[in-house]
Every structure is written in structure tokens, then in C-alpha cells.
């Protein structure tokens, strides 16, 4: 083939290439061309590498959005945790004030009980215990021995009770329960048996052992039906049932409390809990 003919052939190949290449570029990977909104003409959408970059950029933006949402959720969780800790602190304060109130009430009751009894044995038989007839004086020294022994036993009993009560005040609840039980075992006719039984229930209640607390509080009413602690025990039984979500028993106990002791502080607390249960739809 002569030289001019080769030039003509090369030129034909170049022209054919120009006709084929634009169509291949216009739709890479078989994708339709992008239409230019301004001119209406088809424009090249980009090379395959450009598409990969664009997709990667979109995925990165999604990751960024998810990270921001995660940060927002973390901030909300931290805020809720702070509120929870604050409310927990307030609740502990309420519980502590309640315990202090019961301690004060118990102290006042013991003061009243001691005020109703003579402070000590009568001298030469001229005095008498309140509500008990005076006993004539005796020349027999042994006649005064029982009275002296009773005073000693009363002092020992009070000391044992107060030691158990001190354990309760310092939040050593298990130790307090053990000490109160020992008091009940050692002083079968003690002056503080109803109080001791109540505080066993209270210590158990504070530790959220509600089924056991219910049984201990019930003993107050069963064993000491005339005790001033009965109303307090009843309200705590109702509260324990509430914590166990046994709504019917809680309502029944609190309503019985309000009916039996309508003017007591315990009845007022019981009425408040009944109103709360009504608002909660319990």
C-alpha cells in the first residue's frame, strides 16, 4: 500500500474512534447520561471513580449524622442520670427524716410510759406505784428484795432495748433485728416488747424485704392489739403491699387503718397513699 493510502486508512480509524468514544463516555457502566438542566443537553455524569467518591461522600455524611444523633442521646442519658441521682438523694433524705421522726416518737412514748410509773421503790414502804395499792411497811429485810430486784431488772431491760435501738439509728439493720429479737427472748414480759416488735418490722421494711416486713408488722397487731404502735404497723403493712404491687391488699389494709384510727398520723399517711393509688389507677 502506498504512503497516501496508509494516511487515508489512519484517518479513517481516528474518525471512527471519535464516533465511538463519546457514546461510551456518555453512559459509563450502562447508566443513563445526566441531563444538564440549563441547556437540556446530555452531559457526562462522571467516570466510575467519580461515582465511587460521590457514594463514599454520601456514606460519610450518614455516619456523621448518626454520630451527632448518638451524641445527643448520650447528653440526654447524662441529664436523666443526673435527675435520677438527685431524686435518689432526695428520697434518701425523706427516708432519713422519717426514721428520725419514728425515733423521736418512740422516745416520747417511752418518756410517757416512764412518767406513768413511780421512779423508784418507795422509802420505808410509805410510797406506792401508780395504780397499785401501797404495801404496809415490813420489818423483814427480805420483803424489800423483790422490789429492788425489779428495779435492777427494769434498768437492765431498758439498757438492752436502748442498745438495740442505737443499732437501728446507726443503720445497722441486721444487727438491730438480732438485738431486738434477743430482747424479746430475754424479757418475755418486758415493757418495750411491742416497740421492739415494731422496730424489727421497720428495719426489715427499710431493707425492702417487704414480705418479711409484712409478717413482722402483723405480729404487732396480733400480739399487742392495744399498743400505740398498731396504727404505725398497719400503715407500713399497706405500704409494703403497695411496694409489692399487691394493690387489693394494700387498699384493704389502708382503708381498715383509716376506719379504725381515723385521727392518727398513720391514718393520714394511709389516706394520702389511697389517693395516690386512685390517681395511678391502682
Protein backbone atom coordinates (compact mmCIF):
# COMPACT_ATOMS: atom_id res chain seq x y z
CA UNK A 1 0.00 0.00 0.00
CA UNK A 2 1.36 3.41 -0.88
CA UNK A 3 2.01 6.09 1.76
CA UNK A 4 -1.06 8.21 0.90
CA UNK A 5 -3.26 5.17 1.22
CA UNK A 6 -1.88 4.49 4.72
CA UNK A 7 -2.62 8.08 5.75
CA UNK A 8 -6.17 7.67 4.48
CA UNK A 9 -6.59 4.43 6.49
CA UNK A 10 -5.20 6.01 9.68
CA UNK A 11 -7.53 8.96 9.26
CA UNK A 12 -10.50 6.62 8.90
CA UNK A 13 -9.56 4.83 12.13
CA UNK A 14 -9.25 8.15 14.01
CA UNK A 15 -12.67 9.30 12.77
CA UNK A 16 -14.23 6.01 13.81
CA UNK A 17 -12.67 6.35 17.25
CA UNK A 18 -14.15 9.82 17.69
CA UNK A 19 -17.55 8.44 16.80
CA UNK A 20 -17.34 5.53 19.26
CA UNK A 21 -15.64 7.10 22.33
CA UNK A 22 -18.29 9.79 23.12
CA UNK A 23 -21.05 7.22 23.25
CA UNK A 24 -19.02 5.06 25.61
CA UNK A 25 -18.26 8.00 27.89
CA UNK A 26 -21.85 9.26 27.91
CA UNK A 27 -23.15 6.29 29.82
CA UNK A 28 -20.48 4.53 31.88
CA UNK A 29 -21.42 1.17 33.29
CA UNK A 30 -24.64 1.25 31.32
CA UNK A 31 -26.04 4.20 33.36
CA UNK A 32 -28.12 6.84 31.55
CA UNK A 33 -26.48 10.21 30.89
CA UNK A 34 -27.16 13.16 33.16
CA UNK A 35 -29.25 15.92 31.58
CA UNK A 36 -28.00 19.47 32.01
CA UNK A 37 -30.98 21.38 33.30
CA UNK A 38 -29.74 24.64 31.80
CA UNK A 39 -29.16 23.51 28.24
CA UNK A 40 -31.14 20.30 28.04
CA UNK A 41 -28.11 18.57 26.58
CA UNK A 42 -26.70 15.31 27.78
CA UNK A 43 -23.56 15.69 29.81
CA UNK A 44 -21.14 13.17 31.07
CA UNK A 45 -22.11 12.05 34.62
CA UNK A 46 -18.54 11.28 35.50
CA UNK A 47 -16.17 8.38 35.46
CA UNK A 48 -16.73 5.27 37.58
CA UNK A 49 -14.14 6.61 40.02
CA UNK A 50 -16.16 9.81 40.42
CA UNK A 51 -19.29 7.77 41.25
CA UNK A 52 -17.42 5.85 43.90
CA UNK A 53 -16.23 9.09 45.50
CA UNK A 54 -19.74 10.51 45.45
CA UNK A 55 -21.16 7.39 47.08
CA UNK A 56 -18.41 7.40 49.70
CA UNK A 57 -19.16 11.03 50.44
CA UNK A 58 -22.83 10.19 50.97
CA UNK A 59 -21.97 7.33 53.30
CA UNK A 60 -19.62 9.58 55.29
CA UNK A 61 -22.42 12.11 55.71
CA UNK A 62 -24.69 9.36 57.02
CA UNK A 63 -22.04 8.33 59.54
CA UNK A 64 -21.65 11.95 60.64
CA UNK A 65 -25.41 12.28 61.12
CA UNK A 66 -25.53 9.07 63.16
CA UNK A 67 -22.62 10.24 65.30
CA UNK A 68 -24.39 13.52 66.01
CA UNK A 69 -27.56 11.70 66.98
CA UNK A 70 -25.53 9.44 69.26
CA UNK A 71 -24.02 12.49 70.95
CA UNK A 72 -27.49 13.93 71.52
CA UNK A 73 -28.67 10.63 73.03
CA UNK A 74 -25.62 10.49 75.30
CA UNK A 75 -26.32 14.01 76.54
CA UNK A 76 -29.94 13.08 77.23
CA UNK A 77 -28.87 9.95 79.14
CA UNK A 78 -26.42 12.00 81.22
CA UNK A 79 -29.16 14.51 82.02
CA UNK A 80 -31.55 11.72 83.04
CA UNK A 81 -28.84 10.11 85.16
CA UNK A 82 -28.29 13.40 86.95
CA UNK A 83 -32.02 13.75 87.63
CA UNK A 84 -32.16 10.16 88.89
CA UNK A 85 -29.24 10.71 91.27
CA UNK A 86 -30.81 13.92 92.55
CA UNK A 87 -34.16 12.24 93.17
CA UNK A 88 -32.44 9.30 94.84
CA UNK A 89 -30.67 11.71 97.18
CA UNK A 90 -33.95 13.46 97.97
CA UNK A 91 -35.67 10.13 98.62
CA UNK A 92 -32.91 9.07 101.00
CA UNK A 93 -33.35 12.37 102.81
CA UNK A 94 -37.08 11.73 103.16
CA UNK A 95 -36.41 8.24 104.48
CA UNK A 96 -33.88 9.57 106.97
CA UNK A 97 -36.34 12.21 108.20
CA UNK A 98 -38.96 9.52 108.53
CA UNK A 99 -36.62 7.36 110.59
CA UNK A 100 -35.73 10.35 112.76
CA UNK A 101 -39.43 11.03 113.25
CA UNK A 102 -40.07 7.48 114.36
CA UNK A 103 -37.09 7.66 116.70
CA UNK A 104 -38.46 10.83 118.26
CA UNK A 105 -41.94 9.34 118.58
CA UNK A 106 -40.54 6.22 120.20
CA UNK A 107 -38.54 8.31 122.66
CA UNK A 108 -41.61 10.35 123.57
CA UNK A 109 -43.70 7.23 124.07
CA UNK A 110 -41.08 5.75 126.38
CA UNK A 111 -40.97 9.02 128.33
CA UNK A 112 -44.74 8.88 128.73
CA UNK A 113 -44.59 5.26 129.84
CA UNK A 114 -41.91 6.04 132.41
CA UNK A 115 -43.87 9.06 133.59
CA UNK A 116 -46.81 6.83 134.46
CA UNK A 117 -44.73 4.66 136.77
CA UNK A 118 -43.03 5.57 140.03
CA UNK A 119 -39.41 6.47 139.52
CA UNK A 120 -38.17 4.00 142.11
CA UNK A 121 -39.12 1.97 145.15
CA UNK A 122 -40.86 3.72 147.98
CA UNK A 123 -38.89 4.57 151.08
CA UNK A 124 -39.90 2.65 154.24
CA UNK A 125 -43.00 1.48 152.41
CA UNK A 126 -44.67 4.92 152.50
CA UNK A 127 -44.95 5.33 148.71
CA UNK A 128 -46.70 3.29 146.02
CA UNK A 129 -46.51 2.55 142.35
CA UNK A 130 -49.23 4.37 140.41
CA UNK A 131 -52.37 2.25 140.22
CA UNK A 132 -51.08 -0.28 142.76
CA UNK A 133 -52.16 -0.19 146.43
CA UNK A 134 -49.49 0.69 148.93
CA UNK A 135 -47.97 -2.24 150.77
CA UNK A 136 -47.56 -1.86 154.52
CA UNK A 137 -44.03 -1.47 155.75
CA UNK A 138 -42.33 -4.64 156.91
CA UNK A 139 -39.54 -5.14 159.34
CA UNK A 140 -38.36 -8.15 157.35
CA UNK A 141 -35.41 -7.03 155.13
CA UNK A 142 -36.25 -9.78 152.65
CA UNK A 143 -39.58 -8.10 151.95
CA UNK A 144 -37.85 -5.29 150.09
CA UNK A 145 -35.70 -7.60 147.96
CA UNK A 146 -38.25 -8.23 145.18
CA UNK A 147 -38.77 -4.50 144.68
CA UNK A 148 -35.04 -3.87 144.46
CA UNK A 149 -34.65 -6.76 142.05
CA UNK A 150 -37.48 -5.42 139.91
CA UNK A 151 -35.77 -2.05 139.65
CA UNK A 152 -32.50 -3.68 138.62
CA UNK A 153 -34.25 -5.81 136.03
CA UNK A 154 -36.12 -2.80 134.67
CA UNK A 155 -32.87 -0.87 134.30
CA UNK A 156 -31.21 -3.80 132.58
CA UNK A 157 -34.19 -4.25 130.29
CA UNK A 158 -34.14 -0.60 129.28
CA UNK A 159 -30.41 -0.76 128.62
CA UNK A 160 -30.80 -3.81 126.37
CA UNK A 161 -33.63 -2.15 124.48
CA UNK A 162 -31.73 1.09 124.01
CA UNK A 163 -28.66 -0.77 122.76
CA UNK A 164 -30.79 -2.42 120.09
CA UNK A 165 -32.38 0.90 119.26
CA UNK A 166 -28.97 2.51 118.87
CA UNK A 167 -28.07 -0.10 116.26
CA UNK A 168 -31.21 0.85 114.38
CA UNK A 169 -30.36 4.55 114.50
CA UNK A 170 -26.92 3.87 113.05
CA UNK A 171 -28.47 1.85 110.18
CA UNK A 172 -27.03 -1.46 111.29
CA UNK A 173 -30.36 -3.03 110.50
CA UNK A 174 -29.48 -6.72 110.60
CA UNK A 175 -27.67 -6.25 113.92
CA UNK A 176 -30.63 -4.27 115.24
CA UNK A 177 -33.05 -7.05 114.27
CA UNK A 178 -30.89 -9.59 116.06
CA UNK A 179 -30.67 -7.39 119.16
CA UNK A 180 -34.43 -6.75 119.27
CA UNK A 181 -35.12 -10.47 118.90
CA UNK A 182 -32.77 -11.18 121.79
CA UNK A 183 -34.60 -8.58 123.87
CA UNK A 184 -37.92 -10.29 123.12
CA UNK A 185 -36.44 -13.66 124.08
CA UNK A 186 -34.87 -12.43 127.32
CA UNK A 187 -37.78 -10.27 128.53
CA UNK A 188 -40.97 -12.20 127.95
CA UNK A 189 -42.91 -9.62 129.99
CA UNK A 190 -40.84 -6.59 129.07
CA UNK A 191 -42.21 -3.07 128.89
CA UNK A 192 -40.96 -2.46 125.36
CA UNK A 193 -41.98 -5.67 123.64
CA UNK A 194 -44.47 -4.02 121.30
CA UNK A 195 -41.93 -1.36 120.35
CA UNK A 196 -39.23 -3.97 119.78
CA UNK A 197 -41.52 -5.99 117.53
CA UNK A 198 -42.43 -2.89 115.56
CA UNK A 199 -38.79 -1.91 115.03
CA UNK A 200 -37.99 -5.38 113.76
CA UNK A 201 -40.60 -4.79 111.09
CA UNK A 202 -39.31 -1.29 110.40
CA UNK A 203 -35.71 -2.45 109.96
CA UNK A 204 -36.88 -5.16 107.59
CA UNK A 205 -39.00 -2.64 105.67
CA UNK A 206 -36.11 -0.22 105.23
CA UNK A 207 -34.08 -3.05 103.69
CA UNK A 208 -37.00 -3.60 101.27
CA UNK A 209 -37.68 -7.13 102.45
CA UNK A 210 -41.36 -6.44 102.13
CA UNK A 211 -42.87 -9.95 102.54
CA UNK A 212 -40.92 -10.44 105.79
CA UNK A 213 -41.76 -6.90 106.91
CA UNK A 214 -45.47 -7.63 106.48
CA UNK A 215 -45.22 -10.67 108.73
CA UNK A 216 -43.28 -8.76 111.39
CA UNK A 217 -45.69 -5.81 111.38
CA UNK A 218 -48.68 -8.16 111.61
CA UNK A 219 -47.26 -9.54 114.86
CA UNK A 220 -47.63 -6.08 116.42
CA UNK A 221 -51.40 -6.14 115.98
CA UNK A 222 -51.72 -9.84 116.76
CA UNK A 223 -49.61 -9.88 119.93
CA UNK A 224 -50.14 -6.33 121.20
CA UNK A 225 -53.59 -5.21 119.99
CA UNK A 226 -53.77 -2.27 122.42
CA UNK A 227 -50.31 -0.92 121.63
CA UNK A 228 -49.85 2.59 120.27
CA UNK A 229 -47.69 1.00 117.56
CA UNK A 230 -50.60 -0.84 115.93
CA UNK A 231 -51.59 2.04 113.65
CA UNK A 232 -47.98 2.56 112.57
CA UNK A 233 -47.64 -1.14 111.86
CA UNK A 234 -50.84 -1.14 109.81
CA UNK A 235 -49.74 1.72 107.58
CA UNK A 236 -46.43 0.01 106.95
CA UNK A 237 -48.23 -3.21 106.04
CA UNK A 238 -50.23 -1.23 103.48
CA UNK A 239 -47.07 0.42 102.14
CA UNK A 240 -45.36 -2.97 101.87
CA UNK A 241 -48.23 -4.38 99.84
CA UNK A 242 -48.00 -1.29 97.64
CA UNK A 243 -44.30 -1.88 97.00
CA UNK A 244 -45.10 -5.49 96.11
CA UNK A 245 -47.77 -4.19 93.68
CA UNK A 246 -50.43 -6.15 95.53
CA UNK A 247 -52.94 -3.35 95.13
CA UNK A 248 -56.04 -5.06 96.57
CA UNK A 249 -54.33 -5.98 99.84
CA UNK A 250 -52.74 -2.54 100.11
CA UNK A 251 -56.10 -0.83 99.64
CA UNK A 252 -57.84 -3.16 102.09
CA UNK A 253 -55.25 -2.60 104.83
CA UNK A 254 -55.11 1.18 104.40
CA UNK A 255 -58.90 1.51 104.37
CA UNK A 256 -59.11 -0.57 107.56
CA UNK A 257 -56.45 1.66 109.11
CA UNK A 258 -58.35 4.84 108.26
CA UNK A 259 -61.56 3.38 109.65
CA UNK A 260 -60.01 2.11 112.88
CA UNK A 261 -57.69 5.05 113.65
CA UNK A 262 -59.26 8.00 111.78
CA UNK A 263 -57.48 10.72 113.76
CA UNK A 264 -53.99 9.22 113.77
CA UNK A 265 -50.98 10.36 111.79
CA UNK A 266 -50.76 6.87 110.33
CA UNK A 267 -54.33 7.19 109.03
CA UNK A 268 -53.44 10.48 107.35
CA UNK A 269 -50.48 8.83 105.63
CA UNK A 270 -52.70 5.93 104.64
CA UNK A 271 -55.30 8.27 103.16
CA UNK A 272 -52.63 10.01 101.12
CA UNK A 273 -51.44 6.69 99.73
CA UNK A 274 -55.03 5.70 98.86
CA UNK A 275 -55.43 8.95 96.92
CA UNK A 276 -52.16 8.28 95.10
CA UNK A 277 -53.34 4.80 94.17
CA UNK A 278 -56.58 6.25 92.82
CA UNK A 279 -54.67 8.73 90.67
CA UNK A 280 -52.47 5.91 89.39
CA UNK A 281 -55.49 3.79 88.57
CA UNK A 282 -54.45 1.07 91.02
